[in-house]
Amino acid sequence: MFRRRAPHASRALTAAALCAAFVVTACGSENDDLAQRASNDGTNYVAGDGTVEEYAPESRGEALAFEAETFDGDQISEDTFQGEVSVVNFWYANCPPCRKEAPDLQEINEDFADDGVQFLGVNTRDTQPTAEAFERNFDITYPPSRTAAAP
């Protein structure tokens, strides 16, 4: 004995199958940015492609204006580093790229400390205890600060 489905049930199944096919194809993009967004891994960012660009001095813009206070209470700004070779890293503890780059930045700091390169980590979101825990976990030895004014 054959049972005939009601027309609305058949349409509903067809619509569900089409939606499922669309979802599967939407997540199968060859675009890396879209694939990273679709991965739903909780990072909420799209990683760079590893490209490095070097800018000649005449093509560089003005220094980023910022004000911050070190954990020791010293006020700093972009003027603090005027005329010095400096690396200023803006970060926060729950930022996946920040966590990934922390060991590399610390290694570069150690490699160039004797050459006078200035390093500063400016935490943009965390409380001081959270920032200090991050620095302990990643063995960061260059001067830490907390943001006093948003960059």
N, C-alpha and C. Protein backbone atom coordinates (compact mmCIF):
# COMPACT_ATOMS: atom_id res chain seq x y z
N MET A 1 0.84 -1.16 0.00
CA MET A 1 0.00 0.00 0.00
C MET A 1 0.90 1.23 0.00
N PHE A 2 0.60 2.17 -0.85
CA PHE A 2 1.35 3.41 -0.94
C PHE A 2 0.61 4.49 -0.20
N ARG A 3 1.44 5.31 0.49
CA ARG A 3 0.85 6.45 1.18
C ARG A 3 1.25 7.70 0.43
N ARG A 4 0.33 8.51 0.22
CA ARG A 4 0.63 9.75 -0.49
C ARG A 4 0.82 10.85 0.54
N ARG A 5 1.95 11.58 0.41
CA ARG A 5 2.22 12.70 1.32
C ARG A 5 1.39 13.90 0.90
N ALA A 6 1.06 14.67 1.89
CA ALA A 6 0.34 15.91 1.61
C ALA A 6 1.27 16.84 0.84
N PRO A 7 0.75 17.65 -0.07
CA PRO A 7 1.60 18.53 -0.89
C PRO A 7 2.46 19.47 -0.05
N HIS A 8 1.96 19.99 1.06
CA HIS A 8 2.75 20.92 1.86
C HIS A 8 3.94 20.23 2.54
N ALA A 9 3.80 18.96 2.88
CA ALA A 9 4.92 18.23 3.49
C ALA A 9 6.03 18.02 2.47
N SER A 10 5.64 17.72 1.24
CA SER A 10 6.64 17.53 0.19
C SER A 10 7.39 18.83 -0.09
N ARG A 11 6.68 19.95 -0.13
CA ARG A 11 7.34 21.24 -0.34
C ARG A 11 8.26 21.59 0.81
N ALA A 12 7.85 21.26 2.00
CA ALA A 12 8.68 21.56 3.17
C ALA A 12 9.98 20.77 3.13
N LEU A 13 9.91 19.49 2.74
CA LEU A 13 11.11 18.67 2.64
C LEU A 13 12.04 19.19 1.54
N THR A 14 11.47 19.59 0.42
CA THR A 14 12.28 20.14 -0.67
C THR A 14 12.97 21.42 -0.23
N ALA A 15 12.24 22.29 0.44
CA ALA A 15 12.82 23.55 0.92
C ALA A 15 13.94 23.27 1.91
N ALA A 16 13.74 22.32 2.81
CA ALA A 16 14.78 21.98 3.79
C ALA A 16 16.03 21.43 3.10
N ALA A 17 15.85 20.61 2.09
CA ALA A 17 16.99 20.06 1.35
C ALA A 17 17.76 21.16 0.63
N LEU A 18 17.04 22.11 0.03
CA LEU A 18 17.70 23.22 -0.65
C LEU A 18 18.46 24.10 0.33
N CYS A 19 17.87 24.36 1.49
CA CYS A 19 18.56 25.16 2.51
C CYS A 19 19.82 24.46 2.99
N ALA A 20 19.73 23.16 3.22
CA ALA A 20 20.90 22.40 3.66
C ALA A 20 22.00 22.45 2.61
N ALA A 21 21.63 22.33 1.34
CA ALA A 21 22.62 22.38 0.28
C ALA A 21 23.27 23.77 0.23
N PHE A 22 22.49 24.82 0.42
CA PHE A 22 23.03 26.17 0.42
C PHE A 22 24.01 26.36 1.57
N VAL A 23 23.67 25.90 2.76
CA VAL A 23 24.55 26.05 3.93
C VAL A 23 25.87 25.34 3.68
N VAL A 24 25.82 24.14 3.14
CA VAL A 24 27.04 23.38 2.89
C VAL A 24 27.90 24.10 1.85
N THR A 25 27.28 24.62 0.78
CA THR A 25 28.08 25.29 -0.23
C THR A 25 28.58 26.64 0.26
N ALA A 26 27.83 27.32 1.11
CA ALA A 26 28.27 28.62 1.62
C ALA A 26 29.52 28.48 2.48
N CYS A 27 29.65 27.40 3.20
CA CYS A 27 30.82 27.18 4.05
C CYS A 27 31.99 26.61 3.27
N GLY A 28 31.79 26.26 2.04
CA GLY A 28 32.85 25.64 1.26
C GLY A 28 33.60 26.62 0.38
N SER A 29 33.59 27.88 0.73
CA SER A 29 34.23 28.91 -0.09
C SER A 29 35.73 28.70 -0.16
N GLU A 30 36.29 29.06 -1.32
CA GLU A 30 37.74 29.02 -1.46
C GLU A 30 38.38 30.29 -0.93
N ASN A 31 37.60 31.28 -0.56
CA ASN A 31 38.09 32.53 0.00
C ASN A 31 38.52 32.29 1.44
N ASP A 32 39.82 32.49 1.75
CA ASP A 32 40.32 32.23 3.10
C ASP A 32 39.61 33.04 4.16
N ASP A 33 39.33 34.34 3.86
CA ASP A 33 38.64 35.18 4.83
C ASP A 33 37.28 34.60 5.18
N LEU A 34 36.52 34.21 4.16
CA LEU A 34 35.20 33.65 4.41
C LEU A 34 35.29 32.32 5.14
N ALA A 35 36.26 31.51 4.76
CA ALA A 35 36.43 30.22 5.42
C ALA A 35 36.76 30.40 6.90
N GLN A 36 37.61 31.39 7.23
CA GLN A 36 37.94 31.63 8.63
C GLN A 36 36.72 32.12 9.41
N ARG A 37 35.93 32.99 8.79
CA ARG A 37 34.72 33.48 9.48
C ARG A 37 33.74 32.34 9.69
N ALA A 38 33.63 31.46 8.70
CA ALA A 38 32.67 30.36 8.77
C ALA A 38 33.11 29.26 9.72
N SER A 39 34.39 29.26 10.11
CA SER A 39 34.89 28.17 10.97
C SER A 39 34.30 28.22 12.36
N ASN A 40 33.79 29.40 12.77
CA ASN A 40 33.16 29.56 14.07
C ASN A 40 34.03 29.01 15.20
N ASP A 41 35.33 29.38 15.17
CA ASP A 41 36.27 28.88 16.17
C ASP A 41 36.37 29.79 17.39
N GLY A 42 35.56 30.85 17.44
CA GLY A 42 35.55 31.71 18.62
C GLY A 42 36.57 32.82 18.61
N THR A 43 37.41 32.89 17.58
CA THR A 43 38.44 33.91 17.58
C THR A 43 37.91 35.27 17.13
N ASN A 44 36.86 35.27 16.32
CA ASN A 44 36.23 36.50 15.84
C ASN A 44 37.19 37.43 15.13
N TYR A 45 38.13 36.91 14.41
CA TYR A 45 39.03 37.73 13.61
C TYR A 45 39.45 36.92 12.41
N VAL A 46 39.96 37.61 11.42
CA VAL A 46 40.50 36.97 10.23
C VAL A 46 42.00 37.20 10.25
N ALA A 47 42.76 36.13 10.26
CA ALA A 47 44.21 36.23 10.34
C ALA A 47 44.79 36.82 9.06
N GLY A 48 45.93 37.44 9.20
CA GLY A 48 46.65 37.96 8.04
C GLY A 48 47.21 36.81 7.22
N ASP A 49 47.72 37.15 6.07
CA ASP A 49 48.26 36.12 5.18
C ASP A 49 49.77 35.96 5.30
N GLY A 50 50.38 36.64 6.28
CA GLY A 50 51.82 36.52 6.48
C GLY A 50 52.63 37.49 5.65
N THR A 51 51.96 38.34 4.91
CA THR A 51 52.65 39.32 4.08
C THR A 51 53.35 40.35 4.96
N VAL A 52 54.57 40.70 4.59
CA VAL A 52 55.31 41.73 5.28
C VAL A 52 55.60 42.84 4.28
N GLU A 53 55.33 44.08 4.69
CA GLU A 53 55.63 45.22 3.84
C GLU A 53 56.58 46.14 4.57
N GLU A 54 57.56 46.64 3.85
CA GLU A 54 58.50 47.60 4.42
C GLU A 54 58.28 48.93 3.71
N TYR A 55 58.18 50.00 4.50
CA TYR A 55 57.93 51.32 3.96
C TYR A 55 59.18 52.18 4.09
N ALA A 56 59.58 52.80 3.01
CA ALA A 56 60.72 53.71 3.03
C ALA A 56 60.37 54.91 3.92
N PRO A 57 61.35 55.50 4.59
CA PRO A 57 61.07 56.62 5.50
C PRO A 57 60.21 57.72 4.87
N GLU A 58 60.44 58.05 3.61
CA GLU A 58 59.66 59.13 3.00
C GLU A 58 58.20 58.75 2.74
N SER A 59 57.85 57.45 2.79
CA SER A 59 56.46 57.04 2.59
C SER A 59 55.74 56.70 3.88
N ARG A 60 56.39 56.90 5.00
CA ARG A 60 55.75 56.59 6.29
C ARG A 60 54.90 57.76 6.75
N GLY A 61 53.80 57.45 7.38
CA GLY A 61 52.93 58.48 7.93
C GLY A 61 53.42 58.96 9.28
N GLU A 62 52.62 59.79 9.89
CA GLU A 62 52.93 60.30 11.22
C GLU A 62 52.78 59.17 12.25
N ALA A 63 53.49 59.32 13.35
CA ALA A 63 53.40 58.34 14.43
C ALA A 63 51.98 58.34 15.00
N LEU A 64 51.52 57.19 15.42
CA LEU A 64 50.21 57.06 16.05
C LEU A 64 50.22 57.82 17.37
N ALA A 65 49.26 58.69 17.56
CA ALA A 65 49.18 59.45 18.81
C ALA A 65 48.51 58.59 19.88
N PHE A 66 49.15 58.48 21.03
CA PHE A 66 48.56 57.76 22.15
C PHE A 66 49.13 58.29 23.45
N GLU A 67 48.40 58.07 24.52
CA GLU A 67 48.87 58.36 25.87
C GLU A 67 48.59 57.13 26.70
N ALA A 68 49.52 56.79 27.57
CA ALA A 68 49.34 55.63 28.43
C ALA A 68 50.11 55.86 29.73
N GLU A 69 49.83 55.03 30.68
CA GLU A 69 50.51 55.08 31.96
C GLU A 69 51.12 53.72 32.22
N THR A 70 52.42 53.69 32.54
CA THR A 70 53.05 52.40 32.83
C THR A 70 52.52 51.88 34.16
N PHE A 71 52.76 50.63 34.42
CA PHE A 71 52.32 50.05 35.69
C PHE A 71 53.00 50.73 36.87
N ASP A 72 54.13 51.37 36.61
CA ASP A 72 54.84 52.11 37.67
C ASP A 72 54.33 53.53 37.83
N GLY A 73 53.37 53.95 36.99
CA GLY A 73 52.78 55.27 37.12
C GLY A 73 53.39 56.34 36.23
N ASP A 74 54.35 56.00 35.37
CA ASP A 74 54.95 56.97 34.46
C ASP A 74 54.01 57.23 33.28
N GLN A 75 53.87 58.49 32.89
CA GLN A 75 53.08 58.86 31.72
C GLN A 75 53.95 58.72 30.47
N ILE A 76 53.41 58.11 29.45
CA ILE A 76 54.14 57.96 28.19
C ILE A 76 53.23 58.33 27.03
N SER A 77 53.83 58.67 25.91
CA SER A 77 53.10 58.96 24.68
C SER A 77 54.02 58.66 23.52
N GLU A 78 53.55 58.95 22.32
CA GLU A 78 54.41 58.73 21.16
C GLU A 78 55.66 59.60 21.23
N ASP A 79 55.59 60.73 21.93
CA ASP A 79 56.76 61.61 22.08
C ASP A 79 57.87 60.97 22.90
N THR A 80 57.51 60.04 23.78
CA THR A 80 58.49 59.35 24.61
C THR A 80 59.54 58.66 23.74
N PHE A 81 59.15 58.23 22.57
CA PHE A 81 60.02 57.43 21.70
C PHE A 81 60.54 58.21 20.50
N GLN A 82 60.31 59.51 20.48
CA GLN A 82 60.73 60.33 19.34
C GLN A 82 62.23 60.18 19.09
N GLY A 83 62.59 59.85 17.86
CA GLY A 83 64.00 59.72 17.48
C GLY A 83 64.62 58.39 17.86
N GLU A 84 63.86 57.49 18.45
CA GLU A 84 64.37 56.18 18.86
C GLU A 84 63.75 55.09 17.98
N VAL A 85 64.51 54.03 17.75
CA VAL A 85 63.94 52.86 17.09
C VAL A 85 63.08 52.17 18.14
N SER A 86 61.79 52.07 17.84
CA SER A 86 60.83 51.60 18.86
C SER A 86 59.83 50.63 18.28
N VAL A 87 59.41 49.72 19.14
CA VAL A 87 58.32 48.80 18.83
C VAL A 87 57.28 49.02 19.91
N VAL A 88 56.09 49.48 19.49
CA VAL A 88 54.99 49.67 20.43
C VAL A 88 53.90 48.71 20.02
N ASN A 89 53.57 47.79 20.89
CA ASN A 89 52.59 46.75 20.60
C ASN A 89 51.33 47.00 21.42
N PHE A 90 50.19 47.21 20.74
CA PHE A 90 48.90 47.38 21.41
C PHE A 90 48.25 46.00 21.48
N TRP A 91 47.83 45.59 22.69
CA TRP A 91 47.37 44.23 22.88
C TRP A 91 46.36 44.16 24.02
N TYR A 92 45.73 43.00 24.17
CA TYR A 92 44.96 42.64 25.36
C TYR A 92 45.02 41.13 25.52
N ALA A 93 44.79 40.66 26.72
CA ALA A 93 45.08 39.28 27.09
C ALA A 93 44.26 38.23 26.34
N ASN A 94 43.04 38.54 25.96
CA ASN A 94 42.19 37.54 25.32
C ASN A 94 42.22 37.61 23.80
N CYS A 95 43.15 38.36 23.26
CA CYS A 95 43.27 38.55 21.82
C CYS A 95 44.12 37.39 21.25
N PRO A 96 43.52 36.51 20.41
CA PRO A 96 44.29 35.38 19.89
C PRO A 96 45.56 35.78 19.15
N PRO A 97 45.53 36.78 18.25
CA PRO A 97 46.79 37.15 17.59
C PRO A 97 47.82 37.68 18.58
N CYS A 98 47.35 38.39 19.62
CA CYS A 98 48.27 38.93 20.63
C CYS A 98 48.97 37.78 21.37
N ARG A 99 48.24 36.74 21.68
CA ARG A 99 48.80 35.58 22.37
C ARG A 99 49.80 34.86 21.47
N LYS A 100 49.47 34.80 20.19
CA LYS A 100 50.36 34.10 19.27
C LYS A 100 51.67 34.86 19.06
N GLU A 101 51.60 36.19 18.98
CA GLU A 101 52.81 36.96 18.68
C GLU A 101 53.65 37.27 19.92
N ALA A 102 53.11 37.10 21.12
CA ALA A 102 53.82 37.47 22.35
C ALA A 102 55.20 36.84 22.45
N PRO A 103 55.36 35.52 22.25
CA PRO A 103 56.71 34.94 22.35
C PRO A 103 57.68 35.50 21.32
N ASP A 104 57.18 35.77 20.11
CA ASP A 104 58.05 36.33 19.06
C ASP A 104 58.49 37.74 19.42
N LEU A 105 57.57 38.55 19.93
CA LEU A 105 57.94 39.92 20.32
C LEU A 105 58.96 39.90 21.45
N GLN A 106 58.78 39.00 22.41
CA GLN A 106 59.74 38.90 23.50
C GLN A 106 61.12 38.50 22.98
N GLU A 107 61.15 37.56 22.05
CA GLU A 107 62.43 37.12 21.47
C GLU A 107 63.11 38.26 20.72
N ILE A 108 62.33 39.02 19.95
CA ILE A 108 62.89 40.15 19.21
C ILE A 108 63.39 41.20 20.19
N ASN A 109 62.66 41.44 21.27
CA ASN A 109 63.10 42.37 22.31
C ASN A 109 64.47 41.95 22.85
N GLU A 110 64.64 40.68 23.15
CA GLU A 110 65.92 40.19 23.67
C GLU A 110 67.03 40.31 22.62
N ASP A 111 66.70 40.01 21.36
CA ASP A 111 67.70 40.07 20.29
C ASP A 111 68.22 41.49 20.05
N PHE A 112 67.36 42.49 20.22
CA PHE A 112 67.75 43.86 19.87
C PHE A 112 67.91 44.79 21.07
N ALA A 113 67.82 44.27 22.28
CA ALA A 113 67.97 45.12 23.47
C ALA A 113 69.33 45.81 23.51
N ASP A 114 70.40 45.10 23.17
CA ASP A 114 71.74 45.69 23.20
C ASP A 114 71.95 46.73 22.11
N ASP A 115 71.07 46.74 21.11
CA ASP A 115 71.18 47.72 20.02
C ASP A 115 70.37 48.99 20.33
N GLY A 116 69.73 49.03 21.49
CA GLY A 116 68.98 50.22 21.89
C GLY A 116 67.56 50.31 21.39
N VAL A 117 67.02 49.22 20.84
CA VAL A 117 65.64 49.25 20.38
C VAL A 117 64.71 49.26 21.60
N GLN A 118 63.79 50.22 21.60
CA GLN A 118 62.83 50.38 22.69
C GLN A 118 61.60 49.52 22.43
N PHE A 119 61.13 48.78 23.42
CA PHE A 119 59.90 47.99 23.32
C PHE A 119 58.93 48.46 24.38
N LEU A 120 57.65 48.49 24.02
CA LEU A 120 56.60 48.83 24.96
C LEU A 120 55.35 48.07 24.57
N GLY A 121 54.71 47.45 25.55
CA GLY A 121 53.42 46.80 25.33
C GLY A 121 52.34 47.66 25.96
N VAL A 122 51.36 48.10 25.15
CA VAL A 122 50.27 48.92 25.66
C VAL A 122 49.00 48.08 25.67
N ASN A 123 48.54 47.75 26.87
CA ASN A 123 47.34 46.95 27.03
C ASN A 123 46.12 47.85 26.86
N THR A 124 45.25 47.48 25.93
CA THR A 124 44.13 48.35 25.58
C THR A 124 42.83 48.04 26.31
N ARG A 125 42.73 46.94 27.06
CA ARG A 125 41.45 46.56 27.65
C ARG A 125 41.49 46.03 29.07
N ASP A 126 42.55 45.36 29.46
CA ASP A 126 42.54 44.58 30.68
C ASP A 126 42.83 45.39 31.94
N THR A 127 42.45 44.82 33.07
CA THR A 127 42.89 45.37 34.35
C THR A 127 44.37 45.04 34.52
N GLN A 128 45.02 45.74 35.41
CA GLN A 128 46.45 45.51 35.62
C GLN A 128 46.74 44.06 36.02
N PRO A 129 46.00 43.45 36.96
CA PRO A 129 46.30 42.04 37.30
C PRO A 129 46.18 41.08 36.11
N THR A 130 45.19 41.30 35.25
CA THR A 130 45.03 40.44 34.07
C THR A 130 46.20 40.63 33.12
N ALA A 131 46.58 41.87 32.89
CA ALA A 131 47.73 42.15 32.01
C ALA A 131 49.01 41.56 32.58
N GLU A 132 49.21 41.70 33.87
CA GLU A 132 50.42 41.16 34.49
C GLU A 132 50.45 39.64 34.41
N ALA A 133 49.30 38.98 34.54
CA ALA A 133 49.24 37.52 34.40
C ALA A 133 49.65 37.10 32.99
N PHE A 134 49.17 37.83 31.99
CA PHE A 134 49.56 37.56 30.59
C PHE A 134 51.07 37.67 30.45
N GLU A 135 51.63 38.73 30.99
CA GLU A 135 53.07 38.95 30.87
C GLU A 135 53.87 37.86 31.58
N ARG A 136 53.38 37.39 32.71
CA ARG A 136 54.05 36.26 33.40
C ARG A 136 53.96 35.00 32.55
N ASN A 137 52.76 34.73 32.03
CA ASN A 137 52.57 33.51 31.23
C ASN A 137 53.45 33.46 30.00
N PHE A 138 53.70 34.63 29.38
CA PHE A 138 54.50 34.68 28.16
C PHE A 138 55.90 35.20 28.39
N ASP A 139 56.30 35.33 29.66
CA ASP A 139 57.65 35.79 30.02
C ASP A 139 58.02 37.11 29.35
N ILE A 140 57.08 38.04 29.32
CA ILE A 140 57.33 39.36 28.73
C ILE A 140 58.16 40.18 29.71
N THR A 141 59.29 40.70 29.23
CA THR A 141 60.16 41.48 30.11
C THR A 141 60.26 42.94 29.70
N TYR A 142 59.74 43.30 28.52
CA TYR A 142 59.80 44.72 28.15
C TYR A 142 58.72 45.48 28.92
N PRO A 143 58.85 46.81 29.01
CA PRO A 143 57.95 47.58 29.87
C PRO A 143 56.48 47.44 29.50
N PRO A 144 55.66 47.14 30.48
CA PRO A 144 54.23 47.08 30.27
C PRO A 144 53.59 48.42 30.62
N SER A 145 52.45 48.66 30.04
CA SER A 145 51.66 49.84 30.43
C SER A 145 50.19 49.51 30.26
N ARG A 146 49.37 50.38 30.77
CA ARG A 146 47.95 50.28 30.56
C ARG A 146 47.52 51.55 29.83
N THR A 147 46.50 51.45 29.04
CA THR A 147 46.08 52.59 28.25
C THR A 147 45.39 53.63 29.11
N ALA A 148 45.81 54.86 28.97
CA ALA A 148 45.17 55.98 29.67
C ALA A 148 44.18 56.66 28.73
N ALA A 149 44.45 56.65 27.46
CA ALA A 149 43.55 57.21 26.45
C ALA A 149 43.61 56.32 25.24
N ALA A 150 42.45 56.09 24.66
CA ALA A 150 42.40 55.19 23.51
C ALA A 150 43.26 55.74 22.38
N PRO A 151 43.99 54.84 21.68
CA PRO A 151 44.83 55.29 20.57
C PRO A 151 43.97 55.78 19.41
